Amino acid sequence: MVYVYLAIAIVAEVAATSALKASEEFTKLTPSLIVVIGYSLAFYLLTLVLRTMPVGIAYAIWSGLGIVLVAIVGVVVYKQVLDLPAIVGMLLIVLGVIIINVFSRAVSH
């Protein structure tokens, strides 16, 4: 169940972060509500994750996947362009998350 909470927390954080741009410095109501609700849900669920998962591991997964997903949202929604070094860097982040989850003894499997 811990990975379900973490996945939902990551999605909520990505939605909130992505809505920051659309909120136009909190002058637009709907995106601003998405930011506040998304971050609130994300941090609450992260506290549940931290009951059983080490904080460093949880945060590595959270931040790594969040970076990549927010970048994808930026490309799809905001038409932002990623160059090759950015793409390679993000692939390395994903590889790091995979290595942590597959090989680390700090993660309960």
Protein backbone atom coordinates (compact mmCIF):
# COMPACT_ATOMS: atom_id res chain seq x y z
CA MET A 1 0.00 0.00 0.00
CA VAL A 2 2.96 2.29 0.62
CA TYR A 3 3.73 2.48 -3.10
CA VAL A 4 0.10 3.33 -3.87
CA TYR A 5 0.27 6.24 -1.41
CA LEU A 6 3.58 7.34 -2.87
CA ALA A 7 2.27 7.17 -6.44
CA ILE A 8 -0.81 9.23 -5.57
CA ALA A 9 1.37 11.70 -3.66
CA ILE A 10 3.63 12.10 -6.69
CA VAL A 11 0.68 12.63 -9.04
CA ALA A 12 -0.84 15.20 -6.65
CA GLU A 13 2.48 17.03 -6.39
CA VAL A 14 2.94 17.02 -10.16
CA ALA A 15 -0.59 18.38 -10.65
CA ALA A 16 0.03 21.10 -8.06
CA THR A 17 3.42 22.06 -9.49
CA SER A 18 2.04 22.10 -13.02
CA ALA A 19 -0.86 24.31 -11.93
CA LEU A 20 1.54 26.90 -10.48
CA LYS A 21 2.18 28.35 -13.93
CA ALA A 22 -1.52 28.39 -14.79
CA SER A 23 -2.36 30.10 -11.48
CA GLU A 24 -0.59 33.23 -12.75
CA GLU A 25 0.84 34.08 -9.33
CA PHE A 26 -2.35 32.91 -7.57
CA THR A 27 -4.58 35.33 -9.49
CA LYS A 28 -6.60 32.52 -11.15
CA LEU A 29 -8.93 30.68 -8.75
CA THR A 30 -9.15 27.17 -10.23
CA PRO A 31 -5.42 26.61 -10.79
CA SER A 32 -4.71 28.16 -7.38
CA LEU A 33 -7.09 25.68 -5.73
CA ILE A 34 -5.38 22.82 -7.58
CA VAL A 35 -2.04 24.02 -6.18
CA VAL A 36 -3.26 24.19 -2.58
CA ILE A 37 -5.27 20.95 -2.66
CA GLY A 38 -2.61 19.08 -4.63
CA TYR A 39 0.23 20.00 -2.29
CA SER A 40 -1.92 19.32 0.79
CA LEU A 41 -2.83 15.85 -0.47
CA ALA A 42 0.73 15.14 -1.60
CA PHE A 43 2.31 16.02 1.72
CA TYR A 44 -0.35 14.18 3.72
CA LEU A 45 0.18 11.02 1.70
CA LEU A 46 3.95 11.43 1.98
CA THR A 47 3.58 11.38 5.78
CA LEU A 48 1.80 8.03 5.44
CA VAL A 49 4.61 6.72 3.23
CA LEU A 50 7.21 7.77 5.80
CA ARG A 51 5.66 5.45 8.39
CA THR A 52 7.33 2.51 6.65
CA MET A 53 9.80 3.87 4.09
CA PRO A 54 13.03 5.70 4.95
CA VAL A 55 12.75 9.42 4.27
CA GLY A 56 15.77 9.50 1.95
CA ILE A 57 14.43 6.71 -0.24
CA ALA A 58 10.90 8.14 -0.33
CA TYR A 59 12.21 11.57 -1.22
CA ALA A 60 14.52 10.21 -3.93
CA ILE A 61 11.59 8.45 -5.59
CA TRP A 62 9.24 11.41 -5.05
CA SER A 63 11.60 14.04 -6.40
CA GLY A 64 13.04 11.95 -9.23
CA LEU A 65 9.73 10.90 -10.69
CA GLY A 66 8.24 14.32 -9.98
CA ILE A 67 10.98 16.05 -11.98
CA VAL A 68 10.42 13.84 -14.98
CA LEU A 69 6.62 14.03 -14.86
CA VAL A 70 6.59 17.83 -14.45
CA ALA A 71 8.95 18.10 -17.42
CA ILE A 72 6.59 15.95 -19.49
CA VAL A 73 3.66 18.16 -18.48
CA GLY A 74 5.74 21.18 -19.48
CA VAL A 75 6.33 19.70 -22.93
CA VAL A 76 2.74 18.56 -23.50
CA VAL A 77 0.73 21.35 -21.84
CA TYR A 78 3.01 24.38 -22.04
CA LYS A 79 4.83 23.43 -25.27
CA GLN A 80 8.23 23.77 -23.60
CA VAL A 81 11.14 22.19 -25.45
CA LEU A 82 13.71 19.91 -23.82
CA ASP A 83 17.16 19.61 -25.35
CA LEU A 84 19.22 16.42 -25.45
CA PRO A 85 21.18 17.08 -22.22
CA ALA A 86 17.90 17.64 -20.33
CA ILE A 87 16.46 14.40 -21.67
CA VAL A 88 19.62 12.43 -20.86
CA GLY A 89 19.71 13.91 -17.37
CA MET A 90 16.12 12.90 -16.74
CA LEU A 91 16.78 9.41 -18.02
CA LEU A 92 19.62 9.17 -15.50
CA ILE A 93 17.22 10.28 -12.74
CA VAL A 94 14.77 7.53 -13.73
CA LEU A 95 17.62 5.02 -13.83
CA GLY A 96 18.61 6.09 -10.32
CA VAL A 97 15.06 5.54 -9.04
CA ILE A 98 15.01 2.09 -10.66
CA ILE A 99 18.37 1.18 -9.11
CA ILE A 100 17.15 2.27 -5.67
CA ASN A 101 13.98 0.21 -5.95
CA VAL A 102 15.57 -2.91 -7.39
CA PHE A 103 18.88 -3.09 -5.54
CA SER A 104 18.72 -1.08 -2.32
CA ARG A 105 18.27 -2.95 0.93
CA ALA A 106 16.80 0.23 2.43
CA VAL A 107 13.62 -0.34 0.43
CA SER A 108 11.35 -3.09 1.70
CA HIS A 109 10.35 -5.31 -1.21
